[in-house]
Amino acid sequence: MFIAGNLLEGIATVVHMVLELYKWVIIIRVFVSWFNPDPYNFLVQLLSRITDPVLSQIRYQIQKRFGLGMGGSGFDFTPIIAILLIVLLQIFVVESLRDIAIRMN
C-alpha cells in the first residue's frame, strides 16, 4: 500500500508545483500589463496565451452569473479571483491528496 501512498504524494507535489507556477505566471502578467508592453513581444504573447484561457473564462462566468462587466472599471479583478481559486485548489486538492497518501503509508 505504501507504493500507492508514495504515488499520491508525488502527484500532490506535482500538482502543487504546477499551480504555484501558474500563480506566478498570472502575477508576472499583471506586473507586465502595468507598463503598457509591446503586444508583439514574444514574452508578452506567451504570457497571454498561457493565462488567457483561465482569465477569460473567469470574466465570462462573472458576466454570465452576476451581470458585471469589466468594461469601464479600469481595474481587472480576474487575476485576483484566479489566484484565490489557485490557493483554494492548493489547500483543498493538494492537501487532501497528501492526507490520503499519509493514511496509505
PDB file of N, CA and C in Angstrom:
ATOM      1  N   MET A   1       0.816  -1.190   0.000  1.00  0.00           N
ATOM      2  CA  MET A   1       0.000   0.000   0.000  1.00  0.00           C
ATOM      3  C   MET A   1       0.865   1.260   0.000  1.00  0.00           C
ATOM      4  N   PHE A   2       2.113   1.136   0.465  1.00  0.00           N
ATOM      5  CA  PHE A   2       2.977   2.305   0.542  1.00  0.00           C
ATOM      6  C   PHE A   2       3.328   2.844  -0.847  1.00  0.00           C
ATOM      7  N   ILE A   3       3.313   1.973  -1.872  1.00  0.00           N
ATOM      8  CA  ILE A   3       3.607   2.429  -3.229  1.00  0.00           C
ATOM      9  C   ILE A   3       2.524   3.390  -3.700  1.00  0.00           C
ATOM     10  N   ALA A   4       1.265   3.054  -3.453  1.00  0.00           N
ATOM     11  CA  ALA A   4       0.165   3.940  -3.843  1.00  0.00           C
ATOM     12  C   ALA A   4       0.222   5.247  -3.051  1.00  0.00           C
ATOM     13  N   GLY A   5       0.595   5.163  -1.782  1.00  0.00           N
ATOM     14  CA  GLY A   5       0.733   6.369  -0.975  1.00  0.00           C
ATOM     15  C   GLY A   5       1.833   7.279  -1.495  1.00  0.00           C
ATOM     16  N   ASN A   6       2.962   6.682  -1.867  1.00  0.00           N
ATOM     17  CA  ASN A   6       4.056   7.480  -2.430  1.00  0.00           C
ATOM     18  C   ASN A   6       3.671   8.081  -3.777  1.00  0.00           C
ATOM     19  N   LEU A   7       2.922   7.318  -4.576  1.00  0.00           N
ATOM     20  CA  LEU A   7       2.450   7.840  -5.857  1.00  0.00           C
ATOM     21  C   LEU A   7       1.533   9.041  -5.645  1.00  0.00           C
ATOM     22  N   LEU A   8       0.603   8.933  -4.701  1.00  0.00           N
ATOM     23  CA  LEU A   8      -0.284  10.065  -4.413  1.00  0.00           C
ATOM     24  C   LEU A   8       0.492  11.261  -3.884  1.00  0.00           C
ATOM     25  N   GLU A   9       1.493  11.008  -3.066  1.00  0.00           N
ATOM     26  CA  GLU A   9       2.336  12.109  -2.564  1.00  0.00           C
ATOM     27  C   GLU A   9       3.057  12.795  -3.713  1.00  0.00           C
ATOM     28  N   GLY A  10       3.546  12.010  -4.664  1.00  0.00           N
ATOM     29  CA  GLY A  10       4.205  12.578  -5.841  1.00  0.00           C
ATOM     30  C   GLY A  10       3.255  13.376  -6.698  1.00  0.00           C
ATOM     31  N   ILE A  11       2.048  12.847  -6.907  1.00  0.00           N
ATOM     32  CA  ILE A  11       1.044  13.570  -7.682  1.00  0.00           C
ATOM     33  C   ILE A  11       0.684  14.881  -6.996  1.00  0.00           C
ATOM     34  N   ALA A  12       0.527  14.840  -5.679  1.00  0.00           N
ATOM     35  CA  ALA A  12       0.199  16.055  -4.932  1.00  0.00           C
ATOM     36  C   ALA A  12       1.308  17.092  -5.069  1.00  0.00           C
ATOM     37  N   THR A  13       2.544  16.652  -5.021  1.00  0.00           N
ATOM     38  CA  THR A  13       3.668  17.572  -5.156  1.00  0.00           C
ATOM     39  C   THR A  13       3.707  18.205  -6.536  1.00  0.00           C
ATOM     40  N   VAL A  14       3.491  17.408  -7.575  1.00  0.00           N
ATOM     41  CA  VAL A  14       3.496  17.933  -8.942  1.00  0.00           C
ATOM     42  C   VAL A  14       2.346  18.911  -9.142  1.00  0.00           C
ATOM     43  N   VAL A  15       1.157  18.567  -8.666  1.00  0.00           N
ATOM     44  CA  VAL A  15       0.003  19.466  -8.798  1.00  0.00           C
ATOM     45  C   VAL A  15       0.280  20.775  -8.065  1.00  0.00           C
ATOM     46  N   HIS A  16       0.862  20.685  -6.876  1.00  0.00           N
ATOM     47  CA  HIS A  16       1.200  21.892  -6.117  1.00  0.00           C
ATOM     48  C   HIS A  16       2.186  22.767  -6.891  1.00  0.00           C
ATOM     49  N   MET A  17       3.209  22.150  -7.478  1.00  0.00           N
ATOM     50  CA  MET A  17       4.213  22.908  -8.222  1.00  0.00           C
ATOM     51  C   MET A  17       3.614  23.563  -9.458  1.00  0.00           C
ATOM     52  N   VAL A  18       2.751  22.853 -10.175  1.00  0.00           N
ATOM     53  CA  VAL A  18       2.114  23.418 -11.374  1.00  0.00           C
ATOM     54  C   VAL A  18       1.213  24.590 -10.999  1.00  0.00           C
ATOM     55  N   LEU A  19       0.431  24.431  -9.942  1.00  0.00           N
ATOM     56  CA  LEU A  19      -0.444  25.523  -9.504  1.00  0.00           C
ATOM     57  C   LEU A  19       0.372  26.722  -9.031  1.00  0.00           C
ATOM     58  N   GLU A  20       1.462  26.479  -8.322  1.00  0.00           N
ATOM     59  CA  GLU A  20       2.321  27.573  -7.850  1.00  0.00           C
ATOM     60  C   GLU A  20       2.947  28.310  -9.034  1.00  0.00           C
ATOM     61  N   LEU A  21       3.408  27.568 -10.020  1.00  0.00           N
ATOM     62  CA  LEU A  21       3.994  28.174 -11.216  1.00  0.00           C
ATOM     63  C   LEU A  21       2.952  29.009 -11.957  1.00  0.00           C
ATOM     64  N   TYR A  22       1.752  28.471 -12.103  1.00  0.00           N
ATOM     65  CA  TYR A  22       0.692  29.202 -12.807  1.00  0.00           C
ATOM     66  C   TYR A  22       0.317  30.473 -12.047  1.00  0.00           C
ATOM     67  N   LYS A  23       0.313  30.410 -10.722  1.00  0.00           N
ATOM     68  CA  LYS A  23       0.023  31.589  -9.918  1.00  0.00           C
ATOM     69  C   LYS A  23       1.062  32.678 -10.188  1.00  0.00           C
ATOM     70  N   TRP A  24       2.340  32.293 -10.267  1.00  0.00           N
ATOM     71  CA  TRP A  24       3.385  33.269 -10.525  1.00  0.00           C
ATOM     72  C   TRP A  24       3.326  33.808 -11.952  1.00  0.00           C
ATOM     73  N   VAL A  25       2.907  32.997 -12.901  1.00  0.00           N
ATOM     74  CA  VAL A  25       2.738  33.474 -14.274  1.00  0.00           C
ATOM     75  C   VAL A  25       1.645  34.542 -14.322  1.00  0.00           C
ATOM     76  N   ILE A  26       0.560  34.337 -13.600  1.00  0.00           N
ATOM     77  CA  ILE A  26      -0.505  35.344 -13.541  1.00  0.00           C
ATOM     78  C   ILE A  26       0.015  36.629 -12.901  1.00  0.00           C
ATOM     79  N   ILE A  27       0.771  36.503 -11.816  1.00  0.00           N
ATOM     80  CA  ILE A  27       1.319  37.683 -11.146  1.00  0.00           C
ATOM     81  C   ILE A  27       2.273  38.432 -12.081  1.00  0.00           C
ATOM     82  N   ILE A  28       3.111  37.720 -12.795  1.00  0.00           N
ATOM     83  CA  ILE A  28       4.035  38.363 -13.746  1.00  0.00           C
ATOM     84  C   ILE A  28       3.248  39.063 -14.844  1.00  0.00           C
ATOM     85  N   ARG A  29       2.183  38.435 -15.332  1.00  0.00           N
ATOM     86  CA  ARG A  29       1.376  39.075 -16.371  1.00  0.00           C
ATOM     87  C   ARG A  29       0.767  40.380 -15.867  1.00  0.00           C
ATOM     88  N   VAL A  30       0.307  40.382 -14.627  1.00  0.00           N
ATOM     89  CA  VAL A  30      -0.259  41.608 -14.061  1.00  0.00           C
ATOM     90  C   VAL A  30       0.798  42.699 -14.010  1.00  0.00           C
ATOM     91  N   PHE A  31       1.989  42.376 -13.524  1.00  0.00           N
ATOM     92  CA  PHE A  31       3.051  43.376 -13.453  1.00  0.00           C
ATOM     93  C   PHE A  31       3.438  43.888 -14.837  1.00  0.00           C
ATOM     94  N   VAL A  32       3.529  42.993 -15.807  1.00  0.00           N
ATOM     95  CA  VAL A  32       3.885  43.403 -17.160  1.00  0.00           C
ATOM     96  C   VAL A  32       2.803  44.316 -17.746  1.00  0.00           C
ATOM     97  N   SER A  33       1.558  44.050 -17.446  1.00  0.00           N
ATOM     98  CA  SER A  33       0.467  44.855 -18.012  1.00  0.00           C
ATOM     99  C   SER A  33       0.480  46.293 -17.486  1.00  0.00           C
ATOM    100  N   TRP A  34       1.123  46.532 -16.350  1.00  0.00           N
ATOM    101  CA  TRP A  34       1.187  47.891 -15.809  1.00  0.00           C
ATOM    102  C   TRP A  34       2.095  48.802 -16.638  1.00  0.00           C
ATOM    103  N   PHE A  35       2.980  48.230 -17.427  1.00  0.00           N
ATOM    104  CA  PHE A  35       3.967  49.014 -18.158  1.00  0.00           C
ATOM    105  C   PHE A  35       3.651  49.150 -19.642  1.00  0.00           C
ATOM    106  N   ASN A  36       2.424  48.880 -20.051  1.00  0.00           N
ATOM    107  CA  ASN A  36       2.000  49.012 -21.438  1.00  0.00           C
ATOM    108  C   ASN A  36       2.991  48.332 -22.388  1.00  0.00           C
ATOM    109  N   PRO A  37       3.085  47.007 -22.326  1.00  0.00           N
ATOM    110  CA  PRO A  37       4.095  46.294 -23.117  1.00  0.00           C
ATOM    111  C   PRO A  37       3.728  46.247 -24.596  1.00  0.00           C
ATOM    112  N   ASP A  38       4.721  45.971 -25.396  1.00  0.00           N
ATOM    113  CA  ASP A  38       4.528  45.786 -26.828  1.00  0.00           C
ATOM    114  C   ASP A  38       3.767  44.478 -27.045  1.00  0.00           C
ATOM    115  N   PRO A  39       2.569  44.532 -27.657  1.00  0.00           N
ATOM    116  CA  PRO A  39       1.785  43.296 -27.829  1.00  0.00           C
ATOM    117  C   PRO A  39       2.435  42.290 -28.776  1.00  0.00           C
ATOM    118  N   TYR A  40       3.440  42.702 -29.539  1.00  0.00           N
ATOM    119  CA  TYR A  40       4.111  41.786 -30.459  1.00  0.00           C
ATOM    120  C   TYR A  40       5.351  41.133 -29.830  1.00  0.00           C
ATOM    121  N   ASN A  41       5.658  41.494 -28.595  1.00  0.00           N
ATOM    122  CA  ASN A  41       6.778  40.894 -27.890  1.00  0.00           C
ATOM    123  C   ASN A  41       6.453  39.426 -27.608  1.00  0.00           C
ATOM    124  N   PHE A  42       7.447  38.571 -27.829  1.00  0.00           N
ATOM    125  CA  PHE A  42       7.236  37.129 -27.647  1.00  0.00           C
ATOM    126  C   PHE A  42       6.805  36.786 -26.227  1.00  0.00           C
ATOM    127  N   LEU A  43       7.471  37.361 -25.223  1.00  0.00           N
ATOM    128  CA  LEU A  43       7.143  37.038 -23.833  1.00  0.00           C
ATOM    129  C   LEU A  43       5.744  37.509 -23.451  1.00  0.00           C
ATOM    130  N   VAL A  44       5.348  38.665 -23.955  1.00  0.00           N
ATOM    131  CA  VAL A  44       4.002  39.176 -23.685  1.00  0.00           C
ATOM    132  C   VAL A  44       2.962  38.254 -24.316  1.00  0.00           C
ATOM    133  N   GLN A  45       3.216  37.830 -25.535  1.00  0.00           N
ATOM    134  CA  GLN A  45       2.293  36.907 -26.203  1.00  0.00           C
ATOM    135  C   GLN A  45       2.240  35.566 -25.486  1.00  0.00           C
ATOM    136  N   LEU A  46       3.382  35.085 -25.024  1.00  0.00           N
ATOM    137  CA  LEU A  46       3.421  33.818 -24.294  1.00  0.00           C
ATOM    138  C   LEU A  46       2.622  33.910 -23.000  1.00  0.00           C
ATOM    139  N   LEU A  47       2.826  34.979 -22.238  1.00  0.00           N
ATOM    140  CA  LEU A  47       2.064  35.167 -21.004  1.00  0.00           C
ATOM    141  C   LEU A  47       0.568  35.216 -21.288  1.00  0.00           C
ATOM    142  N   SER A  48       0.190  35.901 -22.362  1.00  0.00           N
ATOM    143  CA  SER A  48      -1.230  35.985 -22.716  1.00  0.00           C
ATOM    144  C   SER A  48      -1.788  34.624 -23.105  1.00  0.00           C
ATOM    145  N   ARG A  49      -1.033  33.884 -23.915  1.00  0.00           N
ATOM    146  CA  ARG A  49      -1.513  32.560 -24.332  1.00  0.00           C
ATOM    147  C   ARG A  49      -1.666  31.600 -23.160  1.00  0.00           C
ATOM    148  N   ILE A  50      -0.799  31.735 -22.176  1.00  0.00           N
ATOM    149  CA  ILE A  50      -0.858  30.832 -21.034  1.00  0.00           C
ATOM    150  C   ILE A  50      -1.999  31.198 -20.091  1.00  0.00           C
ATOM    151  N   THR A  51      -2.220  32.495 -19.883  1.00  0.00           N
ATOM    152  CA  THR A  51      -3.189  32.917 -18.873  1.00  0.00           C
ATOM    153  C   THR A  51      -4.570  33.253 -19.417  1.00  0.00           C
ATOM    154  N   ASP A  52      -4.680  33.586 -20.696  1.00  0.00           N
ATOM    155  CA  ASP A  52      -5.978  33.998 -21.244  1.00  0.00           C
ATOM    156  C   ASP A  52      -7.086  32.949 -21.118  1.00  0.00           C
ATOM    157  N   PRO A  53      -6.816  31.659 -21.319  1.00  0.00           N
ATOM    158  CA  PRO A  53      -7.925  30.697 -21.191  1.00  0.00           C
ATOM    159  C   PRO A  53      -8.600  30.742 -19.818  1.00  0.00           C
ATOM    160  N   VAL A  54      -7.818  30.828 -18.767  1.00  0.00           N
ATOM    161  CA  VAL A  54      -8.395  30.846 -17.421  1.00  0.00           C
ATOM    162  C   VAL A  54      -9.034  32.197 -17.124  1.00  0.00           C
ATOM    163  N   LEU A  55      -8.303  33.277 -17.412  1.00  0.00           N
ATOM    164  CA  LEU A  55      -8.815  34.604 -17.084  1.00  0.00           C
ATOM    165  C   LEU A  55     -10.057  34.954 -17.903  1.00  0.00           C
ATOM    166  N   SER A  56     -10.089  34.583 -19.174  1.00  0.00           N
ATOM    167  CA  SER A  56     -11.275  34.882 -19.978  1.00  0.00           C
ATOM    168  C   SER A  56     -12.473  34.048 -19.527  1.00  0.00           C
ATOM    169  N   GLN A  57     -12.232  32.829 -19.073  1.00  0.00           N
ATOM    170  CA  GLN A  57     -13.330  32.009 -18.548  1.00  0.00           C
ATOM    171  C   GLN A  57     -13.887  32.617 -17.262  1.00  0.00           C
ATOM    172  N   ILE A  58     -13.020  33.135 -16.410  1.00  0.00           N
ATOM    173  CA  ILE A  58     -13.492  33.792 -15.189  1.00  0.00           C
ATOM    174  C   ILE A  58     -14.286  35.041 -15.541  1.00  0.00           C
ATOM    175  N   ARG A  59     -13.792  35.848 -16.499  1.00  0.00           N
ATOM    176  CA  ARG A  59     -14.527  37.040 -16.941  1.00  0.00           C
ATOM    177  C   ARG A  59     -15.902  36.661 -17.467  1.00  0.00           C
ATOM    178  N   TYR A  60     -15.953  35.594 -18.265  1.00  0.00           N
ATOM    179  CA  TYR A  60     -17.221  35.143 -18.830  1.00  0.00           C
ATOM    180  C   TYR A  60     -18.191  34.717 -17.727  1.00  0.00           C
ATOM    181  N   GLN A  61     -17.706  33.956 -16.757  1.00  0.00           N
ATOM    182  CA  GLN A  61     -18.567  33.490 -15.670  1.00  0.00           C
ATOM    183  C   GLN A  61     -19.075  34.655 -14.814  1.00  0.00           C
ATOM    184  N   ILE A  62     -18.221  35.640 -14.574  1.00  0.00           N
ATOM    185  CA  ILE A  62     -18.660  36.817 -13.816  1.00  0.00           C
ATOM    186  C   ILE A  62     -19.747  37.550 -14.584  1.00  0.00           C
ATOM    187  N   GLN A  63     -19.542  37.732 -15.884  1.00  0.00           N
ATOM    188  CA  GLN A  63     -20.542  38.415 -16.712  1.00  0.00           C
ATOM    189  C   GLN A  63     -21.843  37.621 -16.765  1.00  0.00           C
ATOM    190  N   LYS A  64     -21.734  36.320 -16.931  1.00  0.00           N
ATOM    191  CA  LYS A  64     -22.911  35.469 -17.073  1.00  0.00           C
ATOM    192  C   LYS A  64     -23.697  35.366 -15.772  1.00  0.00           C
ATOM    193  N   ARG A  65     -23.027  35.136 -14.676  1.00  0.00           N
ATOM    194  CA  ARG A  65     -23.710  34.886 -13.412  1.00  0.00           C
ATOM    195  C   ARG A  65     -24.131  36.151 -12.679  1.00  0.00           C
ATOM    196  N   PHE A  66     -23.317  37.179 -12.753  1.00  0.00           N
ATOM    197  CA  PHE A  66     -23.577  38.367 -11.958  1.00  0.00           C
ATOM    198  C   PHE A  66     -23.923  39.594 -12.789  1.00  0.00           C
ATOM    199  N   GLY A  67     -23.768  39.498 -14.102  1.00  0.00           N
ATOM    200  CA  GLY A  67     -24.063  40.622 -14.967  1.00  0.00           C
ATOM    201  C   GLY A  67     -23.089  41.773 -14.814  1.00  0.00           C
ATOM    202  N   LEU A  68     -21.916  41.472 -14.292  1.00  0.00           N
ATOM    203  CA  LEU A  68     -20.910  42.509 -14.094  1.00  0.00           C
ATOM    204  C   LEU A  68     -19.893  42.440 -15.223  1.00  0.00           C
ATOM    205  N   GLY A  69     -19.726  43.529 -15.909  1.00  0.00           N
ATOM    206  CA  GLY A  69     -18.714  43.586 -16.955  1.00  0.00           C
ATOM    207  C   GLY A  69     -17.474  44.276 -16.448  1.00  0.00           C
ATOM    208  N   MET A  70     -16.364  44.008 -17.092  1.00  0.00           N
ATOM    209  CA  MET A  70     -15.122  44.666 -16.717  1.00  0.00           C
ATOM    210  C   MET A  70     -14.922  45.915 -17.565  1.00  0.00           C
ATOM    211  N   GLY A  71     -15.955  46.302 -18.285  1.00  0.00           N
ATOM    212  CA  GLY A  71     -15.871  47.370 -19.264  1.00  0.00           C
ATOM    213  C   GLY A  71     -15.235  48.653 -18.818  1.00  0.00           C
ATOM    214  N   GLY A  72     -15.891  49.455 -18.030  1.00  0.00           N
ATOM    215  CA  GLY A  72     -15.376  50.778 -17.750  1.00  0.00           C
ATOM    216  C   GLY A  72     -14.699  50.938 -16.415  1.00  0.00           C
ATOM    217  N   SER A  73     -14.511  49.861 -15.690  1.00  0.00           N
ATOM    218  CA  SER A  73     -13.984  49.996 -14.329  1.00  0.00           C
ATOM    219  C   SER A  73     -12.508  50.392 -14.311  1.00  0.00           C
ATOM    220  N   GLY A  74     -11.745  50.003 -15.319  1.00  0.00           N
ATOM    221  CA  GLY A  74     -10.332  50.323 -15.350  1.00  0.00           C
ATOM    222  C   GLY A  74      -9.480  49.381 -14.517  1.00  0.00           C
ATOM    223  N   PHE A  75     -10.102  48.492 -13.770  1.00  0.00           N
ATOM    224  CA  PHE A  75      -9.358  47.542 -12.942  1.00  0.00           C
ATOM    225  C   PHE A  75      -9.928  46.160 -13.172  1.00  0.00           C
ATOM    226  N   ASP A  76      -9.074  45.231 -13.515  1.00  0.00           N
ATOM    227  CA  ASP A  76      -9.496  43.865 -13.804  1.00  0.00           C
ATOM    228  C   ASP A  76      -9.265  43.002 -12.561  1.00  0.00           C
ATOM    229  N   PHE A  77     -10.343  42.521 -11.981  1.00  0.00           N
ATOM    230  CA  PHE A  77     -10.255  41.710 -10.768  1.00  0.00           C
ATOM    231  C   PHE A  77     -10.020  40.229 -11.055  1.00  0.00           C
ATOM    232  N   THR A  78     -10.066  39.828 -12.321  1.00  0.00           N
ATOM    233  CA  THR A  78      -9.973  38.411 -12.632  1.00  0.00           C
ATOM    234  C   THR A  78      -8.649  37.768 -12.201  1.00  0.00           C
ATOM    235  N   PRO A  79      -7.486  38.443 -12.281  1.00  0.00           N
ATOM    236  CA  PRO A  79      -6.273  37.787 -11.765  1.00  0.00           C
ATOM    237  C   PRO A  79      -6.356  37.512 -10.269  1.00  0.00           C
ATOM    238  N   ILE A  80      -6.978  38.403  -9.523  1.00  0.00           N
ATOM    239  CA  ILE A  80      -7.137  38.184  -8.083  1.00  0.00           C
ATOM    240  C   ILE A  80      -8.018  36.968  -7.836  1.00  0.00           C
ATOM    241  N   ILE A  81      -9.109  36.872  -8.578  1.00  0.00           N
ATOM    242  CA  ILE A  81     -10.019  35.735  -8.437  1.00  0.00           C
ATOM    243  C   ILE A  81      -9.301  34.442  -8.832  1.00  0.00           C
ATOM    244  N   ALA A  82      -8.530  34.498  -9.917  1.00  0.00           N
ATOM    245  CA  ALA A  82      -7.796  33.306 -10.362  1.00  0.00           C
ATOM    246  C   ALA A  82      -6.791  32.856  -9.304  1.00  0.00           C
ATOM    247  N   ILE A  83      -6.080  33.801  -8.702  1.00  0.00           N
ATOM    248  CA  ILE A  83      -5.103  33.445  -7.671  1.00  0.00           C
ATOM    249  C   ILE A  83      -5.806  32.861  -6.451  1.00  0.00           C
ATOM    250  N   LEU A  84      -6.944  33.435  -6.079  1.00  0.00           N
ATOM    251  CA  LEU A  84      -7.707  32.884  -4.954  1.00  0.00           C
ATOM    252  C   LEU A  84      -8.182  31.464  -5.248  1.00  0.00           C
ATOM    253  N   LEU A  85      -8.608  31.215  -6.487  1.00  0.00           N
ATOM    254  CA  LEU A  85      -9.026  29.860  -6.869  1.00  0.00           C
ATOM    255  C   LEU A  85      -7.846  28.892  -6.844  1.00  0.00           C
ATOM    256  N   ILE A  86      -6.674  29.353  -7.267  1.00  0.00           N
ATOM    257  CA  ILE A  86      -5.485  28.504  -7.226  1.00  0.00           C
ATOM    258  C   ILE A  86      -5.131  28.152  -5.780  1.00  0.00           C
ATOM    259  N   VAL A  87      -5.194  29.132  -4.895  1.00  0.00           N
ATOM    260  CA  VAL A  87      -4.900  28.876  -3.482  1.00  0.00           C
ATOM    261  C   VAL A  87      -5.918  27.898  -2.911  1.00  0.00           C
ATOM    262  N   LEU A  88      -7.182  28.065  -3.282  1.00  0.00           N
ATOM    263  CA  LEU A  88      -8.222  27.139  -2.831  1.00  0.00           C
ATOM    264  C   LEU A  88      -7.931  25.726  -3.313  1.00  0.00           C
ATOM    265  N   LEU A  89      -7.528  25.590  -4.576  1.00  0.00           N
ATOM    266  CA  LEU A  89      -7.176  24.266  -5.096  1.00  0.00           C
ATOM    267  C   LEU A  89      -5.956  23.687  -4.376  1.00  0.00           C
ATOM    268  N   GLN A  90      -4.986  24.544  -4.075  1.00  0.00           N
ATOM    269  CA  GLN A  90      -3.810  24.061  -3.361  1.00  0.00           C
ATOM    270  C   GLN A  90      -4.190  23.554  -1.977  1.00  0.00           C
ATOM    271  N   ILE A  91      -5.063  24.270  -1.319  1.00  0.00           N
ATOM    272  CA  ILE A  91      -5.463  23.855   0.025  1.00  0.00           C
ATOM    273  C   ILE A  91      -6.336  22.609  -0.035  1.00  0.00           C
ATOM    274  N   PHE A  92      -7.327  22.615  -0.919  1.00  0.00           N
ATOM    275  CA  PHE A  92      -8.307  21.529  -0.941  1.00  0.00           C
ATOM    276  C   PHE A  92      -7.769  20.272  -1.615  1.00  0.00           C
ATOM    277  N   VAL A  93      -7.336  20.392  -2.850  1.00  0.00           N
ATOM    278  CA  VAL A  93      -6.953  19.208  -3.625  1.00  0.00           C
ATOM    279  C   VAL A  93      -5.596  18.665  -3.173  1.00  0.00           C
ATOM    280  N   VAL A  94      -4.605  19.521  -3.131  1.00  0.00           N
ATOM    281  CA  VAL A  94      -3.253  19.053  -2.824  1.00  0.00           C
ATOM    282  C   VAL A  94      -3.177  18.506  -1.404  1.00  0.00           C
ATOM    283  N   GLU A  95      -3.708  19.243  -0.461  1.00  0.00           N
ATOM    284  CA  GLU A  95      -3.648  18.771   0.926  1.00  0.00           C
ATOM    285  C   GLU A  95      -4.491  17.516   1.132  1.00  0.00           C
ATOM    286  N   SER A  96      -5.607  17.397   0.418  1.00  0.00           N
ATOM    287  CA  SER A  96      -6.407  16.174   0.510  1.00  0.00           C
ATOM    288  C   SER A  96      -5.631  14.975  -0.029  1.00  0.00           C
ATOM    289  N   LEU A  97      -4.941  15.167  -1.165  1.00  0.00           N
ATOM    290  CA  LEU A  97      -4.117  14.087  -1.714  1.00  0.00           C
ATOM    291  C   LEU A  97      -3.005  13.700  -0.748  1.00  0.00           C
ATOM    292  N   ARG A  98      -2.398  14.706  -0.137  1.00  0.00           N
ATOM    293  CA  ARG A  98      -1.323  14.406   0.820  1.00  0.00           C
ATOM    294  C   ARG A  98      -1.857  13.672   2.049  1.00  0.00           C
ATOM    295  N   ASP A  99      -3.025  14.065   2.531  1.00  0.00           N
ATOM    296  CA  ASP A  99      -3.610  13.364   3.678  1.00  0.00           C
ATOM    297  C   ASP A  99      -3.938  11.915   3.337  1.00  0.00           C
ATOM    298  N   ILE A 100      -4.461  11.687   2.157  1.00  0.00           N
ATOM    299  CA  ILE A 100      -4.768  10.316   1.733  1.00  0.00           C
ATOM    300  C   ILE A 100      -3.466   9.517   1.622  1.00  0.00           C
ATOM    301  N   ALA A 101      -2.424  10.152   1.077  1.00  0.00           N
ATOM    302  CA  ALA A 101      -1.130   9.462   0.935  1.00  0.00           C
ATOM    303  C   ALA A 101      -0.557   9.093   2.291  1.00  0.00           C
ATOM    304  N   ILE A 102      -0.686   9.990   3.267  1.00  0.00           N
ATOM    305  CA  ILE A 102      -0.162   9.700   4.605  1.00  0.00           C
ATOM    306  C   ILE A 102      -0.916   8.531   5.219  1.00  0.00           C
ATOM    307  N   ARG A 103      -2.219   8.484   5.035  1.00  0.00           N
ATOM    308  CA  ARG A 103      -3.021   7.389   5.601  1.00  0.00           C
ATOM    309  C   ARG A 103      -2.710   6.049   4.928  1.00  0.00           C
ATOM    310  N   MET A 104      -2.261   6.087   3.672  1.00  0.00           N
ATOM    311  CA  MET A 104      -1.946   4.851   2.958  1.00  0.00           C
ATOM    312  C   MET A 104      -0.585   4.303   3.353  1.00  0.00           C
ATOM    313  N   ASN A 105       0.294   5.150   3.868  1.00  0.00           N
ATOM    314  CA  ASN A 105       1.634   4.684   4.233  1.00  0.00           C
ATOM    315  C   ASN A 105       1.660   4.034   5.586  1.00  0.00           C
TER     316      ASN A 105
END
